[in-house]
């Protein structure tokens, strides 16, 4: 596996979230400011990862995560380099204990992913395919607010967005391809159930 810089690992992102969550409650602005002016893709990945964890069971969390991911993915889609979120979103708070429990829950799978990625199938992470993938990241979360009544259903979609964002973040097309496989399986399963 090719070596990667420390700030290109999932655990680096989780460390930043843990550091931001030192007070009783943490704002979204606290988490974003922890990483400075980074590119947008890591933030998409971070929000999706947190929604894969049990934190997705908190009422309203899937809706807020969907808004953030749609906004950030759209910005990346149109070539914006730095993330922007409206002030009301930046002021939203969550209990820091819940955040730290979520990052702790994610450590083991993130350790695995950090060890098992490298640049491959990079054509899936650049050019037109990057555009298609970001558009898919805009579309997937649109249904999450309507699925909140079904516990943890949004975690499946968030897992898919995580695969896409991780692949773009690390230029590893295998994870982007994995995301599309999950999308295809979900679509086929949904069609079979509804027919």
Protein backbone atom coordinates (compact mmCIF):
# COMPACT_ATOMS: atom_id res chain seq x y z
CA UNK A 1 0.00 0.00 0.00
CA UNK A 2 1.24 3.45 -0.81
CA UNK A 3 1.99 5.64 2.15
CA UNK A 4 -0.40 8.46 2.86
CA UNK A 5 -0.03 11.66 4.82
CA UNK A 6 -1.49 11.67 8.30
CA UNK A 7 -4.23 14.12 7.37
CA UNK A 8 -5.53 11.77 4.69
CA UNK A 9 -6.73 9.17 7.17
CA UNK A 10 -10.16 8.65 8.67
CA UNK A 11 -8.67 8.53 12.14
CA UNK A 12 -7.24 12.01 11.60
CA UNK A 13 -10.79 13.24 10.95
CA UNK A 14 -12.12 11.41 14.02
CA UNK A 15 -9.30 12.88 16.14
CA UNK A 16 -10.36 16.34 15.03
CA UNK A 17 -13.97 15.69 15.99
CA UNK A 18 -12.91 14.38 19.41
CA UNK A 19 -10.75 17.45 19.96
CA UNK A 20 -13.66 19.74 19.06
CA UNK A 21 -15.95 17.87 21.47
CA UNK A 22 -14.14 18.87 24.66
CA UNK A 23 -16.97 21.06 25.96
CA UNK A 24 -20.36 19.78 27.15
CA UNK A 25 -21.90 20.56 23.76
CA UNK A 26 -20.23 20.91 20.38
CA UNK A 27 -21.36 23.09 17.49
CA UNK A 28 -20.99 22.17 13.84
CA UNK A 29 -18.86 25.31 13.51
CA UNK A 30 -16.51 23.93 16.19
CA UNK A 31 -15.94 20.78 14.16
CA UNK A 32 -15.40 22.60 10.86
CA UNK A 33 -13.00 25.11 12.41
CA UNK A 34 -10.95 22.22 13.81
CA UNK A 35 -9.72 21.43 10.30
CA UNK A 36 -9.25 24.97 8.98
CA UNK A 37 -9.76 25.69 5.29
CA UNK A 38 -9.65 22.17 3.92
CA UNK A 39 -11.24 20.89 0.75
CA UNK A 40 -14.91 19.94 0.87
CA UNK A 41 -14.67 16.17 0.34
CA UNK A 42 -13.33 15.36 3.85
CA UNK A 43 -16.29 17.16 5.42
CA UNK A 44 -18.76 15.19 3.32
CA UNK A 45 -16.97 12.03 4.44
CA UNK A 46 -16.96 13.11 8.09
CA UNK A 47 -20.70 13.86 8.25
CA UNK A 48 -21.55 10.61 6.44
CA UNK A 49 -19.31 8.60 8.79
CA UNK A 50 -20.96 10.08 11.87
CA UNK A 51 -24.38 9.16 10.49
CA UNK A 52 -23.27 5.54 10.03
CA UNK A 53 -22.75 5.39 13.79
CA UNK A 54 -25.54 5.08 16.40
CA UNK A 55 -25.75 8.89 16.43
CA UNK A 56 -28.14 8.50 13.49
CA UNK A 57 -30.78 7.38 15.99
CA UNK A 58 -31.03 10.89 17.48
CA UNK A 59 -34.24 12.50 16.13
CA UNK A 60 -33.46 15.16 13.55
CA UNK A 61 -29.88 14.04 12.98
CA UNK A 62 -30.51 12.35 9.59
CA UNK A 63 -32.29 15.48 8.34
CA UNK A 64 -29.49 17.81 9.45
CA UNK A 65 -26.86 15.46 7.99
CA UNK A 66 -28.79 15.27 4.72
CA UNK A 67 -28.89 19.07 4.42
CA UNK A 68 -25.16 19.36 5.13
CA UNK A 69 -24.17 16.59 2.70
CA UNK A 70 -26.42 17.94 -0.07
CA UNK A 71 -25.04 21.48 0.37
CA UNK A 72 -21.40 20.38 0.51
CA UNK A 73 -21.71 17.90 -2.38
CA UNK A 74 -23.38 20.55 -4.53
CA UNK A 75 -20.58 23.00 -3.72
CA UNK A 76 -17.95 20.42 -4.67
CA UNK A 77 -19.94 19.61 -7.80
CA UNK A 78 -19.76 23.24 -8.91
CA UNK A 79 -16.06 23.49 -8.18
CA UNK A 80 -16.06 25.40 -4.90
CA UNK A 81 -12.87 24.73 -2.99
CA UNK A 82 -13.82 25.65 0.58
CA UNK A 83 -16.91 24.49 2.48
CA UNK A 84 -19.71 26.92 3.31
CA UNK A 85 -22.76 26.30 5.50
CA UNK A 86 -25.49 28.76 6.53
CA UNK A 87 -25.17 30.36 9.96
CA UNK A 88 -28.16 28.50 11.43
CA UNK A 89 -26.53 25.18 10.61
CA UNK A 90 -23.18 26.26 12.00
CA UNK A 91 -24.88 27.11 15.31
CA UNK A 92 -26.52 23.71 15.76
CA UNK A 93 -25.26 21.83 18.81
CA UNK A 94 -25.08 18.23 19.92
CA UNK A 95 -24.11 16.63 23.21
CA UNK A 96 -20.34 16.05 23.21
CA UNK A 97 -20.65 12.67 24.95
CA UNK A 98 -22.77 11.39 22.07
CA UNK A 99 -20.22 12.67 19.57
CA UNK A 100 -17.31 11.01 21.37
CA UNK A 101 -19.24 7.73 21.62
CA UNK A 102 -19.91 7.90 17.89
CA UNK A 103 -16.24 8.46 17.03
CA UNK A 104 -15.21 5.66 19.41
CA UNK A 105 -17.69 3.32 17.70
CA UNK A 106 -16.17 4.22 14.31
CA UNK A 107 -12.52 3.65 15.26
CA UNK A 108 -12.24 -0.02 14.37
CA UNK A 109 -13.82 0.15 10.89
CA UNK A 110 -11.85 3.33 10.19
CA UNK A 111 -8.61 1.62 11.22
CA UNK A 112 -9.37 -1.09 8.68
CA UNK A 113 -10.11 1.39 5.88
CA UNK A 114 -7.02 3.46 6.69
CA UNK A 115 -4.86 0.35 6.26
CA UNK A 116 -6.53 -0.89 3.08
CA UNK A 117 -6.57 1.87 0.55
CA UNK A 118 -4.24 3.12 -2.16
CA UNK A 119 -4.52 4.96 -5.44
CA UNK A 120 -6.19 2.63 -7.94
CA UNK A 121 -8.90 2.89 -10.58
CA UNK A 122 -8.30 6.63 -10.30
CA UNK A 123 -10.39 7.34 -13.41
CA UNK A 124 -13.40 6.84 -11.11
CA UNK A 125 -12.24 9.68 -8.86
CA UNK A 126 -11.48 12.43 -11.38
CA UNK A 127 -13.04 14.16 -14.36
CA UNK A 128 -16.58 13.22 -15.42
CA UNK A 129 -16.81 10.30 -12.98
CA UNK A 130 -16.03 12.59 -10.05
CA UNK A 131 -18.89 14.84 -11.23
CA UNK A 132 -21.28 11.87 -11.47
CA UNK A 133 -20.26 10.63 -8.02
CA UNK A 134 -20.77 14.04 -6.41
CA UNK A 135 -24.17 14.32 -8.10
CA UNK A 136 -25.05 10.92 -6.64
CA UNK A 137 -24.00 12.23 -3.20
CA UNK A 138 -26.46 15.09 -3.70
CA UNK A 139 -29.32 12.73 -4.62
CA UNK A 140 -28.92 9.96 -2.02
CA UNK A 141 -29.61 12.06 1.13
CA UNK A 142 -32.77 13.66 -0.28
CA UNK A 143 -34.93 10.85 1.10
CA UNK A 144 -33.43 10.74 4.60
CA UNK A 145 -35.78 13.30 6.22
CA UNK A 146 -38.76 11.15 5.15
CA UNK A 147 -37.18 7.96 6.50
CA UNK A 148 -36.47 9.18 10.02
CA UNK A 149 -39.42 7.19 11.34
CA UNK A 150 -37.51 4.04 10.38
CA UNK A 151 -34.62 3.72 12.86
CA UNK A 152 -31.13 3.73 11.35
CA UNK A 153 -32.35 3.36 7.73
CA UNK A 154 -30.43 6.52 6.84
CA UNK A 155 -27.24 4.77 7.98
CA UNK A 156 -27.30 2.61 4.84
CA UNK A 157 -27.40 5.68 2.63
CA UNK A 158 -24.75 7.35 4.76
CA UNK A 159 -22.55 4.27 4.38
CA UNK A 160 -22.88 4.56 0.61
CA UNK A 161 -22.00 8.26 0.67
CA UNK A 162 -19.04 7.37 2.91
CA UNK A 163 -17.74 4.93 0.30
CA UNK A 164 -18.03 7.56 -2.42
CA UNK A 165 -16.44 10.33 -0.35
CA UNK A 166 -13.64 8.08 0.95
CA UNK A 167 -12.84 6.99 -2.60
CA UNK A 168 -12.69 10.60 -3.81
CA UNK A 169 -10.72 11.67 -0.72
CA UNK A 170 -8.04 8.98 -1.13
CA UNK A 171 -8.28 8.63 -4.96
CA UNK A 172 -9.12 4.97 -4.49
CA UNK A 173 -11.69 4.05 -7.13
CA UNK A 174 -12.37 0.67 -5.52
CA UNK A 175 -14.43 2.42 -2.84
CA UNK A 176 -16.26 4.52 -5.41
CA UNK A 177 -17.06 1.33 -7.31
CA UNK A 178 -18.24 -0.23 -4.04
CA UNK A 179 -20.59 2.69 -3.56
CA UNK A 180 -22.15 2.13 -6.97
CA UNK A 181 -22.55 -1.58 -6.24
CA UNK A 182 -24.50 -0.71 -3.07
CA UNK A 183 -26.65 1.75 -5.05
CA UNK A 184 -27.44 -0.90 -7.68
CA UNK A 185 -28.30 -3.52 -5.04
CA UNK A 186 -30.54 -1.02 -3.22
CA UNK A 187 -32.36 -0.01 -6.41
CA UNK A 188 -32.91 -3.61 -7.51
CA UNK A 189 -34.10 -4.65 -4.04
CA UNK A 190 -36.49 -1.70 -3.86
CA UNK A 191 -37.95 -2.51 -7.28
CA UNK A 192 -38.43 -6.16 -6.35
CA UNK A 193 -40.13 -5.24 -3.07
CA UNK A 194 -42.46 -2.75 -4.74
CA UNK A 195 -43.48 -5.00 -7.65
